[in-house]
Amino acid sequence: MNEEEIKKKELLRRQRMLEQQMIQQSSAQQQEALKKVVMLKILDKAARERLTNLKLIKPELANNLELYLVQLYQTGQLKTRITEKELVQILSMMQKKKDFKIIRK
């Protein structure tokens, strides 16, 4: 291979990488937009405020909660809007699943 062919291959490789990055960014933006729409549909005002506060303090937990709620919505398991009290119950349930105890003998 001569130097020109190597440069062409490198240029093609970089273009493919940029295209993949753009596709991933587009997909992430679409997912974020979907989450926002679903949250507006399923959460009442107080629950949305609670979720917004949670995003500031624990963004990873808030993201997991949003994904869980979207999943519930998409599978048709949510029949009514979620109140703040119900959101807190879901949060505590999610956190209990993560808690585990190590018992030494």
PDB file of N, CA and C in Angstrom:
ATOM      1  N   MET A   1       0.831  -1.187   0.000  1.00  0.00           N
ATOM      2  CA  MET A   1       0.000   0.000   0.000  1.00  0.00           C
ATOM      3  C   MET A   1       0.871   1.245   0.000  1.00  0.00           C
ATOM      4  N   ASN A   2       0.474   2.161  -0.810  1.00  0.00           N
ATOM      5  CA  ASN A   2       1.229   3.404  -0.792  1.00  0.00           C
ATOM      6  C   ASN A   2       0.598   4.376   0.210  1.00  0.00           C
ATOM      7  N   GLU A   3       1.234   5.478   0.363  1.00  0.00           N
ATOM      8  CA  GLU A   3       0.823   6.444   1.384  1.00  0.00           C
ATOM      9  C   GLU A   3      -0.566   7.022   1.107  1.00  0.00           C
ATOM     10  N   GLU A   4      -0.888   7.222  -0.148  1.00  0.00           N
ATOM     11  CA  GLU A   4      -2.189   7.790  -0.515  1.00  0.00           C
ATOM     12  C   GLU A   4      -3.333   6.843  -0.155  1.00  0.00           C
ATOM     13  N   GLU A   5      -3.156   5.560  -0.391  1.00  0.00           N
ATOM     14  CA  GLU A   5      -4.179   4.568  -0.050  1.00  0.00           C
ATOM     15  C   GLU A   5      -4.390   4.502   1.461  1.00  0.00           C
ATOM     16  N   ILE A   6      -3.309   4.591   2.191  1.00  0.00           N
ATOM     17  CA  ILE A   6      -3.394   4.565   3.652  1.00  0.00           C
ATOM     18  C   ILE A   6      -4.186   5.780   4.147  1.00  0.00           C
ATOM     19  N   LYS A   7      -3.929   6.941   3.559  1.00  0.00           N
ATOM     20  CA  LYS A   7      -4.651   8.153   3.958  1.00  0.00           C
ATOM     21  C   LYS A   7      -6.136   8.030   3.638  1.00  0.00           C
ATOM     22  N   LYS A   8      -6.464   7.449   2.477  1.00  0.00           N
ATOM     23  CA  LYS A   8      -7.863   7.265   2.093  1.00  0.00           C
ATOM     24  C   LYS A   8      -8.578   6.344   3.072  1.00  0.00           C
ATOM     25  N   LYS A   9      -7.918   5.248   3.430  1.00  0.00           N
ATOM     26  CA  LYS A   9      -8.518   4.303   4.377  1.00  0.00           C
ATOM     27  C   LYS A   9      -8.728   4.956   5.740  1.00  0.00           C
ATOM     28  N   GLU A  10      -7.765   5.723   6.166  1.00  0.00           N
ATOM     29  CA  GLU A  10      -7.874   6.414   7.451  1.00  0.00           C
ATOM     30  C   GLU A  10      -9.026   7.428   7.412  1.00  0.00           C
ATOM     31  N   LEU A  11      -9.150   8.135   6.307  1.00  0.00           N
ATOM     32  CA  LEU A  11     -10.229   9.106   6.145  1.00  0.00           C
ATOM     33  C   LEU A  11     -11.589   8.409   6.171  1.00  0.00           C
ATOM     34  N   LEU A  12     -11.710   7.294   5.476  1.00  0.00           N
ATOM     35  CA  LEU A  12     -12.953   6.522   5.481  1.00  0.00           C
ATOM     36  C   LEU A  12     -13.297   6.020   6.875  1.00  0.00           C
ATOM     37  N   ARG A  13     -12.287   5.547   7.590  1.00  0.00           N
ATOM     38  CA  ARG A  13     -12.499   5.044   8.945  1.00  0.00           C
ATOM     39  C   ARG A  13     -13.016   6.159   9.851  1.00  0.00           C
ATOM     40  N   ARG A  14     -12.430   7.336   9.737  1.00  0.00           N
ATOM     41  CA  ARG A  14     -12.862   8.470  10.555  1.00  0.00           C
ATOM     42  C   ARG A  14     -14.281   8.903  10.203  1.00  0.00           C
ATOM     43  N   GLN A  15     -14.603   8.881   8.908  1.00  0.00           N
ATOM     44  CA  GLN A  15     -15.959   9.246   8.493  1.00  0.00           C
ATOM     45  C   GLN A  15     -16.980   8.271   9.066  1.00  0.00           C
ATOM     46  N   ARG A  16     -16.669   6.994   9.032  1.00  0.00           N
ATOM     47  CA  ARG A  16     -17.573   5.984   9.595  1.00  0.00           C
ATOM     48  C   ARG A  16     -17.763   6.192  11.091  1.00  0.00           C
ATOM     49  N   MET A  17     -16.668   6.489  11.778  1.00  0.00           N
ATOM     50  CA  MET A  17     -16.763   6.728  13.216  1.00  0.00           C
ATOM     51  C   MET A  17     -17.656   7.937  13.508  1.00  0.00           C
ATOM     52  N   LEU A  18     -17.491   9.006  12.731  1.00  0.00           N
ATOM     53  CA  LEU A  18     -18.320  10.194  12.918  1.00  0.00           C
ATOM     54  C   LEU A  18     -19.786   9.891  12.652  1.00  0.00           C
ATOM     55  N   GLU A  19     -20.065   9.109  11.617  1.00  0.00           N
ATOM     56  CA  GLU A  19     -21.441   8.729  11.308  1.00  0.00           C
ATOM     57  C   GLU A  19     -22.050   7.928  12.455  1.00  0.00           C
ATOM     58  N   GLN A  20     -21.281   7.000  13.005  1.00  0.00           N
ATOM     59  CA  GLN A  20     -21.777   6.196  14.118  1.00  0.00           C
ATOM     60  C   GLN A  20     -22.056   7.064  15.338  1.00  0.00           C
ATOM     61  N   GLN A  21     -21.176   8.007  15.609  1.00  0.00           N
ATOM     62  CA  GLN A  21     -21.378   8.906  16.742  1.00  0.00           C
ATOM     63  C   GLN A  21     -22.634   9.751  16.556  1.00  0.00           C
ATOM     64  N   MET A  22     -22.856  10.221  15.335  1.00  0.00           N
ATOM     65  CA  MET A  22     -24.046  11.028  15.055  1.00  0.00           C
ATOM     66  C   MET A  22     -25.314  10.201  15.233  1.00  0.00           C
ATOM     67  N   ILE A  23     -25.282   8.946  14.797  1.00  0.00           N
ATOM     68  CA  ILE A  23     -26.430   8.058  14.952  1.00  0.00           C
ATOM     69  C   ILE A  23     -26.712   7.822  16.431  1.00  0.00           C
ATOM     70  N   GLN A  24     -25.669   7.589  17.212  1.00  0.00           N
ATOM     71  CA  GLN A  24     -25.836   7.357  18.643  1.00  0.00           C
ATOM     72  C   GLN A  24     -26.399   8.597  19.337  1.00  0.00           C
ATOM     73  N   GLN A  25     -25.903   9.771  18.971  1.00  0.00           N
ATOM     74  CA  GLN A  25     -26.405  11.005  19.566  1.00  0.00           C
ATOM     75  C   GLN A  25     -27.869  11.219  19.211  1.00  0.00           C
ATOM     76  N   SER A  26     -28.204  10.945  17.972  1.00  0.00           N
ATOM     77  CA  SER A  26     -29.589  11.089  17.526  1.00  0.00           C
ATOM     78  C   SER A  26     -30.497  10.138  18.295  1.00  0.00           C
ATOM     79  N   SER A  27     -30.042   8.917  18.468  1.00  0.00           N
ATOM     80  CA  SER A  27     -30.814   7.921  19.201  1.00  0.00           C
ATOM     81  C   SER A  27     -30.994   8.347  20.660  1.00  0.00           C
ATOM     82  N   ALA A  28     -29.945   8.842  21.262  1.00  0.00           N
ATOM     83  CA  ALA A  28     -30.023   9.289  22.653  1.00  0.00           C
ATOM     84  C   ALA A  28     -30.994  10.464  22.787  1.00  0.00           C
ATOM     85  N   GLN A  29     -30.973  11.371  21.823  1.00  0.00           N
ATOM     86  CA  GLN A  29     -31.891  12.507  21.860  1.00  0.00           C
ATOM     87  C   GLN A  29     -33.337  12.044  21.710  1.00  0.00           C
ATOM     88  N   GLN A  30     -33.562  11.058  20.853  1.00  0.00           N
ATOM     89  CA  GLN A  30     -34.909  10.528  20.671  1.00  0.00           C
ATOM     90  C   GLN A  30     -35.402   9.857  21.949  1.00  0.00           C
ATOM     91  N   GLN A  31     -34.529   9.102  22.606  1.00  0.00           N
ATOM     92  CA  GLN A  31     -34.904   8.448  23.857  1.00  0.00           C
ATOM     93  C   GLN A  31     -35.237   9.485  24.929  1.00  0.00           C
ATOM     94  N   GLU A  32     -34.452  10.535  24.986  1.00  0.00           N
ATOM     95  CA  GLU A  32     -34.681  11.590  25.973  1.00  0.00           C
ATOM     96  C   GLU A  32     -36.018  12.279  25.704  1.00  0.00           C
ATOM     97  N   ALA A  33     -36.312  12.534  24.443  1.00  0.00           N
ATOM     98  CA  ALA A  33     -37.590  13.161  24.087  1.00  0.00           C
ATOM     99  C   ALA A  33     -38.757  12.247  24.446  1.00  0.00           C
ATOM    100  N   LEU A  34     -38.600  10.957  24.197  1.00  0.00           N
ATOM    101  CA  LEU A  34     -39.644   9.989  24.541  1.00  0.00           C
ATOM    102  C   LEU A  34     -39.884   9.980  26.045  1.00  0.00           C
ATOM    103  N   LYS A  35     -38.795   9.990  26.830  1.00  0.00           N
ATOM    104  CA  LYS A  35     -38.935  10.000  28.285  1.00  0.00           C
ATOM    105  C   LYS A  35     -39.702  11.231  28.748  1.00  0.00           C
ATOM    106  N   LYS A  36     -39.382  12.394  28.179  1.00  0.00           N
ATOM    107  CA  LYS A  36     -40.059  13.628  28.590  1.00  0.00           C
ATOM    108  C   LYS A  36     -41.554  13.560  28.299  1.00  0.00           C
ATOM    109  N   VAL A  37     -41.898  13.077  27.114  1.00  0.00           N
ATOM    110  CA  VAL A  37     -43.310  12.986  26.737  1.00  0.00           C
ATOM    111  C   VAL A  37     -44.052  12.030  27.662  1.00  0.00           C
ATOM    112  N   VAL A  38     -43.446  10.887  27.921  1.00  0.00           N
ATOM    113  CA  VAL A  38     -44.089   9.892  28.784  1.00  0.00           C
ATOM    114  C   VAL A  38     -44.228  10.431  30.205  1.00  0.00           C
ATOM    115  N   MET A  39     -43.206  11.106  30.711  1.00  0.00           N
ATOM    116  CA  MET A  39     -43.283  11.655  32.071  1.00  0.00           C
ATOM    117  C   MET A  39     -44.411  12.680  32.179  1.00  0.00           C
ATOM    118  N   LEU A  40     -44.597  13.482  31.135  1.00  0.00           N
ATOM    119  CA  LEU A  40     -45.698  14.451  31.153  1.00  0.00           C
ATOM    120  C   LEU A  40     -47.053  13.754  31.172  1.00  0.00           C
ATOM    121  N   LYS A  41     -47.150  12.617  30.520  1.00  0.00           N
ATOM    122  CA  LYS A  41     -48.414  11.888  30.455  1.00  0.00           C
ATOM    123  C   LYS A  41     -48.740  11.159  31.752  1.00  0.00           C
ATOM    124  N   ILE A  42     -47.723  10.587  32.399  1.00  0.00           N
ATOM    125  CA  ILE A  42     -48.008   9.667  33.505  1.00  0.00           C
ATOM    126  C   ILE A  42     -47.818  10.257  34.897  1.00  0.00           C
ATOM    127  N   LEU A  43     -47.104  11.374  35.023  1.00  0.00           N
ATOM    128  CA  LEU A  43     -46.847  11.942  36.350  1.00  0.00           C
ATOM    129  C   LEU A  43     -47.691  13.190  36.569  1.00  0.00           C
ATOM    130  N   ASP A  44     -48.229  13.323  37.780  1.00  0.00           N
ATOM    131  CA  ASP A  44     -48.904  14.580  38.090  1.00  0.00           C
ATOM    132  C   ASP A  44     -47.841  15.635  38.416  1.00  0.00           C
ATOM    133  N   LYS A  45     -48.274  16.864  38.634  1.00  0.00           N
ATOM    134  CA  LYS A  45     -47.338  17.976  38.803  1.00  0.00           C
ATOM    135  C   LYS A  45     -46.381  17.758  39.975  1.00  0.00           C
ATOM    136  N   ALA A  46     -46.893  17.342  41.100  1.00  0.00           N
ATOM    137  CA  ALA A  46     -46.052  17.140  42.291  1.00  0.00           C
ATOM    138  C   ALA A  46     -45.031  16.030  42.053  1.00  0.00           C
ATOM    139  N   ALA A  47     -45.436  14.981  41.357  1.00  0.00           N
ATOM    140  CA  ALA A  47     -44.519  13.874  41.072  1.00  0.00           C
ATOM    141  C   ALA A  47     -43.417  14.325  40.112  1.00  0.00           C
ATOM    142  N   ARG A  48     -43.773  15.160  39.138  1.00  0.00           N
ATOM    143  CA  ARG A  48     -42.756  15.686  38.209  1.00  0.00           C
ATOM    144  C   ARG A  48     -41.757  16.560  38.948  1.00  0.00           C
ATOM    145  N   GLU A  49     -42.251  17.363  39.892  1.00  0.00           N
ATOM    146  CA  GLU A  49     -41.350  18.199  40.690  1.00  0.00           C
ATOM    147  C   GLU A  49     -40.408  17.331  41.520  1.00  0.00           C
ATOM    148  N   ARG A  50     -40.944  16.278  42.097  1.00  0.00           N
ATOM    149  CA  ARG A  50     -40.133  15.355  42.895  1.00  0.00           C
ATOM    150  C   ARG A  50     -39.044  14.730  42.018  1.00  0.00           C
ATOM    151  N   LEU A  51     -39.420  14.324  40.825  1.00  0.00           N
ATOM    152  CA  LEU A  51     -38.462  13.714  39.901  1.00  0.00           C
ATOM    153  C   LEU A  51     -37.386  14.718  39.490  1.00  0.00           C
ATOM    154  N   THR A  52     -37.780  15.959  39.260  1.00  0.00           N
ATOM    155  CA  THR A  52     -36.815  17.003  38.904  1.00  0.00           C
ATOM    156  C   THR A  52     -35.814  17.215  40.036  1.00  0.00           C
ATOM    157  N   ASN A  53     -36.294  17.249  41.263  1.00  0.00           N
ATOM    158  CA  ASN A  53     -35.400  17.395  42.418  1.00  0.00           C
ATOM    159  C   ASN A  53     -34.461  16.200  42.531  1.00  0.00           C
ATOM    160  N   LEU A  54     -34.993  15.025  42.273  1.00  0.00           N
ATOM    161  CA  LEU A  54     -34.177  13.814  42.340  1.00  0.00           C
ATOM    162  C   LEU A  54     -33.070  13.845  41.287  1.00  0.00           C
ATOM    163  N   LYS A  55     -33.379  14.386  40.108  1.00  0.00           N
ATOM    164  CA  LYS A  55     -32.374  14.485  39.037  1.00  0.00           C
ATOM    165  C   LYS A  55     -31.191  15.334  39.475  1.00  0.00           C
ATOM    166  N   LEU A  56     -31.458  16.354  40.270  1.00  0.00           N
ATOM    167  CA  LEU A  56     -30.383  17.228  40.737  1.00  0.00           C
ATOM    168  C   LEU A  56     -29.494  16.531  41.757  1.00  0.00           C
ATOM    169  N   ILE A  57     -30.101  15.708  42.590  1.00  0.00           N
ATOM    170  CA  ILE A  57     -29.367  15.077  43.682  1.00  0.00           C
ATOM    171  C   ILE A  57     -28.754  13.743  43.263  1.00  0.00           C
ATOM    172  N   LYS A  58     -29.566  12.902  42.632  1.00  0.00           N
ATOM    173  CA  LYS A  58     -29.111  11.569  42.226  1.00  0.00           C
ATOM    174  C   LYS A  58     -29.528  11.314  40.773  1.00  0.00           C
ATOM    175  N   PRO A  59     -28.752  11.841  39.825  1.00  0.00           N
ATOM    176  CA  PRO A  59     -29.147  11.719  38.415  1.00  0.00           C
ATOM    177  C   PRO A  59     -29.251  10.273  37.924  1.00  0.00           C
ATOM    178  N   GLU A  60     -28.384   9.403  38.409  1.00  0.00           N
ATOM    179  CA  GLU A  60     -28.419   8.010  37.960  1.00  0.00           C
ATOM    180  C   GLU A  60     -29.699   7.314  38.437  1.00  0.00           C
ATOM    181  N   LEU A  61     -30.067   7.546  39.682  1.00  0.00           N
ATOM    182  CA  LEU A  61     -31.298   6.964  40.215  1.00  0.00           C
ATOM    183  C   LEU A  61     -32.521   7.513  39.474  1.00  0.00           C
ATOM    184  N   ALA A  62     -32.509   8.811  39.198  1.00  0.00           N
ATOM    185  CA  ALA A  62     -33.622   9.428  38.471  1.00  0.00           C
ATOM    186  C   ALA A  62     -33.739   8.841  37.068  1.00  0.00           C
ATOM    187  N   ASN A  63     -32.616   8.622  36.418  1.00  0.00           N
ATOM    188  CA  ASN A  63     -32.631   8.029  35.079  1.00  0.00           C
ATOM    189  C   ASN A  63     -33.187   6.607  35.121  1.00  0.00           C
ATOM    190  N   ASN A  64     -32.755   5.835  36.109  1.00  0.00           N
ATOM    191  CA  ASN A  64     -33.270   4.466  36.251  1.00  0.00           C
ATOM    192  C   ASN A  64     -34.774   4.474  36.518  1.00  0.00           C
ATOM    193  N   LEU A  65     -35.218   5.415  37.329  1.00  0.00           N
ATOM    194  CA  LEU A  65     -36.645   5.538  37.624  1.00  0.00           C
ATOM    195  C   LEU A  65     -37.428   5.884  36.360  1.00  0.00           C
ATOM    196  N   GLU A  66     -36.907   6.829  35.588  1.00  0.00           N
ATOM    197  CA  GLU A  66     -37.577   7.205  34.340  1.00  0.00           C
ATOM    198  C   GLU A  66     -37.670   6.021  33.384  1.00  0.00           C
ATOM    199  N   LEU A  67     -36.588   5.283  33.254  1.00  0.00           N
ATOM    200  CA  LEU A  67     -36.604   4.114  32.368  1.00  0.00           C
ATOM    201  C   LEU A  67     -37.620   3.084  32.843  1.00  0.00           C
ATOM    202  N   TYR A  68     -37.694   2.890  34.150  1.00  0.00           N
ATOM    203  CA  TYR A  68     -38.658   1.949  34.725  1.00  0.00           C
ATOM    204  C   TYR A  68     -40.092   2.404  34.443  1.00  0.00           C
ATOM    205  N   LEU A  69     -40.351   3.696  34.625  1.00  0.00           N
ATOM    206  CA  LEU A  69     -41.692   4.227  34.391  1.00  0.00           C
ATOM    207  C   LEU A  69     -42.077   4.150  32.912  1.00  0.00           C
ATOM    208  N   VAL A  70     -41.133   4.429  32.031  1.00  0.00           N
ATOM    209  CA  VAL A  70     -41.394   4.312  30.590  1.00  0.00           C
ATOM    210  C   VAL A  70     -41.735   2.872  30.244  1.00  0.00           C
ATOM    211  N   GLN A  71     -41.002   1.952  30.842  1.00  0.00           N
ATOM    212  CA  GLN A  71     -41.255   0.531  30.598  1.00  0.00           C
ATOM    213  C   GLN A  71     -42.660   0.144  31.073  1.00  0.00           C
ATOM    214  N   LEU A  72     -43.053   0.610  32.248  1.00  0.00           N
ATOM    215  CA  LEU A  72     -44.403   0.343  32.751  1.00  0.00           C
ATOM    216  C   LEU A  72     -45.457   0.925  31.815  1.00  0.00           C
ATOM    217  N   TYR A  73     -45.209   2.130  31.346  1.00  0.00           N
ATOM    218  CA  TYR A  73     -46.157   2.795  30.443  1.00  0.00           C
ATOM    219  C   TYR A  73     -46.285   2.026  29.124  1.00  0.00           C
ATOM    220  N   GLN A  74     -45.150   1.621  28.568  1.00  0.00           N
ATOM    221  CA  GLN A  74     -45.164   0.941  27.270  1.00  0.00           C
ATOM    222  C   GLN A  74     -45.812  -0.435  27.341  1.00  0.00           C
ATOM    223  N   THR A  75     -45.730  -1.078  28.495  1.00  0.00           N
ATOM    224  CA  THR A  75     -46.347  -2.398  28.635  1.00  0.00           C
ATOM    225  C   THR A  75     -47.808  -2.299  29.075  1.00  0.00           C
ATOM    226  N   GLY A  76     -48.292  -1.073  29.284  1.00  0.00           N
ATOM    227  CA  GLY A  76     -49.695  -0.875  29.635  1.00  0.00           C
ATOM    228  C   GLY A  76     -50.032  -1.167  31.084  1.00  0.00           C
ATOM    229  N   GLN A  77     -49.045  -1.178  31.954  1.00  0.00           N
ATOM    230  CA  GLN A  77     -49.281  -1.485  33.358  1.00  0.00           C
ATOM    231  C   GLN A  77     -49.737  -0.269  34.161  1.00  0.00           C
ATOM    232  N   LEU A  78     -49.648   0.916  33.577  1.00  0.00           N
ATOM    233  CA  LEU A  78     -50.099   2.129  34.266  1.00  0.00           C
ATOM    234  C   LEU A  78     -51.481   2.506  33.760  1.00  0.00           C
ATOM    235  N   LYS A  79     -52.435   2.554  34.664  1.00  0.00           N
ATOM    236  CA  LYS A  79     -53.815   2.879  34.287  1.00  0.00           C
ATOM    237  C   LYS A  79     -54.161   4.328  34.624  1.00  0.00           C
ATOM    238  N   THR A  80     -53.530   4.885  35.660  1.00  0.00           N
ATOM    239  CA  THR A  80     -53.811   6.258  36.079  1.00  0.00           C
ATOM    240  C   THR A  80     -52.494   7.016  36.214  1.00  0.00           C
ATOM    241  N   ARG A  81     -52.613   8.336  36.402  1.00  0.00           N
ATOM    242  CA  ARG A  81     -51.414   9.145  36.623  1.00  0.00           C
ATOM    243  C   ARG A  81     -50.782   8.783  37.964  1.00  0.00           C
ATOM    244  N   ILE A  82     -49.474   8.879  38.018  1.00  0.00           N
ATOM    245  CA  ILE A  82     -48.741   8.569  39.243  1.00  0.00           C
ATOM    246  C   ILE A  82     -48.649   9.833  40.089  1.00  0.00           C
ATOM    247  N   THR A  83     -49.016   9.700  41.354  1.00  0.00           N
ATOM    248  CA  THR A  83     -48.931  10.823  42.287  1.00  0.00           C
ATOM    249  C   THR A  83     -47.547  10.840  42.925  1.00  0.00           C
ATOM    250  N   GLU A  84     -47.276  11.902  43.653  1.00  0.00           N
ATOM    251  CA  GLU A  84     -45.990  12.013  44.334  1.00  0.00           C
ATOM    252  C   GLU A  84     -45.814  10.879  45.343  1.00  0.00           C
ATOM    253  N   LYS A  85     -46.880  10.560  46.058  1.00  0.00           N
ATOM    254  CA  LYS A  85     -46.821   9.492  47.060  1.00  0.00           C
ATOM    255  C   LYS A  85     -46.481   8.156  46.396  1.00  0.00           C
ATOM    256  N   GLU A  86     -47.114   7.871  45.273  1.00  0.00           N
ATOM    257  CA  GLU A  86     -46.831   6.620  44.559  1.00  0.00           C
ATOM    258  C   GLU A  86     -45.403   6.606  44.020  1.00  0.00           C
ATOM    259  N   LEU A  87     -44.935   7.774  43.567  1.00  0.00           N
ATOM    260  CA  LEU A  87     -43.565   7.875  43.065  1.00  0.00           C
ATOM    261  C   LEU A  87     -42.565   7.569  44.176  1.00  0.00           C
ATOM    262  N   VAL A  88     -42.828   8.085  45.361  1.00  0.00           N
ATOM    263  CA  VAL A  88     -41.955   7.821  46.512  1.00  0.00           C
ATOM    264  C   VAL A  88     -41.959   6.328  46.838  1.00  0.00           C
ATOM    265  N   GLN A  89     -43.130   5.691  46.752  1.00  0.00           N
ATOM    266  CA  GLN A  89     -43.212   4.248  47.007  1.00  0.00           C
ATOM    267  C   GLN A  89     -42.391   3.462  45.980  1.00  0.00           C
ATOM    268  N   ILE A  90     -42.480   3.866  44.728  1.00  0.00           N
ATOM    269  CA  ILE A  90     -41.706   3.194  43.675  1.00  0.00           C
ATOM    270  C   ILE A  90     -40.217   3.382  43.928  1.00  0.00           C
ATOM    271  N   LEU A  91     -39.836   4.592  44.317  1.00  0.00           N
ATOM    272  CA  LEU A  91     -38.426   4.868  44.622  1.00  0.00           C
ATOM    273  C   LEU A  91     -37.922   4.002  45.767  1.00  0.00           C
ATOM    274  N   SER A  92     -38.704   3.909  46.825  1.00  0.00           N
ATOM    275  CA  SER A  92     -38.262   3.103  47.969  1.00  0.00           C
ATOM    276  C   SER A  92     -38.177   1.633  47.578  1.00  0.00           C
ATOM    277  N   MET A  93     -39.090   1.179  46.728  1.00  0.00           N
ATOM    278  CA  MET A  93     -39.042  -0.199  46.258  1.00  0.00           C
ATOM    279  C   MET A  93     -37.770  -0.437  45.433  1.00  0.00           C
ATOM    280  N   MET A  94     -37.419   0.534  44.584  1.00  0.00           N
ATOM    281  CA  MET A  94     -36.215   0.397  43.764  1.00  0.00           C
ATOM    282  C   MET A  94     -34.964   0.369  44.634  1.00  0.00           C
ATOM    283  N   GLN A  95     -34.943   1.184  45.673  1.00  0.00           N
ATOM    284  CA  GLN A  95     -33.772   1.235  46.534  1.00  0.00           C
ATOM    285  C   GLN A  95     -33.655  -0.012  47.394  1.00  0.00           C
ATOM    286  N   LYS A  96     -34.782  -0.604  47.779  1.00  0.00           N
ATOM    287  CA  LYS A  96     -34.732  -1.838  48.564  1.00  0.00           C
ATOM    288  C   LYS A  96     -34.149  -2.974  47.749  1.00  0.00           C
ATOM    289  N   LYS A  97     -34.421  -2.974  46.452  1.00  0.00           N
ATOM    290  CA  LYS A  97     -33.877  -4.019  45.590  1.00  0.00           C
ATOM    291  C   LYS A  97     -32.359  -3.960  45.548  1.00  0.00           C
ATOM    292  N   LYS A  98     -31.798  -2.756  45.691  1.00  0.00           N
ATOM    293  CA  LYS A  98     -30.347  -2.606  45.643  1.00  0.00           C
ATOM    294  C   LYS A  98     -29.685  -2.950  46.973  1.00  0.00           C
ATOM    295  N   ASP A  99     -30.434  -2.791  48.061  1.00  0.00           N
ATOM    296  CA  ASP A  99     -29.864  -3.063  49.378  1.00  0.00           C
ATOM    297  C   ASP A  99     -29.691  -4.563  49.576  1.00  0.00           C
ATOM    298  N   PHE A 100     -28.541  -4.924  50.041  1.00  0.00           N
ATOM    299  CA  PHE A 100     -28.319  -6.314  50.390  1.00  0.00           C
ATOM    300  C   PHE A 100     -27.400  -6.342  51.601  1.00  0.00           C
ATOM    301  N   LYS A 101     -27.532  -7.389  52.360  1.00  0.00           N
ATOM    302  CA  LYS A 101     -26.767  -7.483  53.596  1.00  0.00           C
ATOM    303  C   LYS A 101     -25.776  -8.623  53.485  1.00  0.00           C
ATOM    304  N   ILE A 102     -24.616  -8.385  54.024  1.00  0.00           N
ATOM    305  CA  ILE A 102     -23.596  -9.424  54.088  1.00  0.00           C
ATOM    306  C   ILE A 102     -23.584  -9.937  55.517  1.00  0.00           C
ATOM    307  N   ILE A 103     -23.855 -11.187  55.658  1.00  0.00           N
ATOM    308  CA  ILE A 103     -23.887 -11.796  56.982  1.00  0.00           C
ATOM    309  C   ILE A 103     -22.634 -12.643  57.134  1.00  0.00           C
ATOM    310  N   ARG A 104     -21.867 -12.327  58.153  1.00  0.00           N
ATOM    311  CA  ARG A 104     -20.639 -13.090  58.408  1.00  0.00           C
ATOM    312  C   ARG A 104     -20.915 -14.135  59.459  1.00  0.00           C
ATOM    313  N   LYS A 105     -20.362 -15.287  59.232  1.00  0.00           N
ATOM    314  CA  LYS A 105     -20.555 -16.377  60.194  1.00  0.00           C
ATOM    315  C   LYS A 105     -19.272 -16.685  60.911  1.00  0.00           C
TER     316      LYS A 105
END
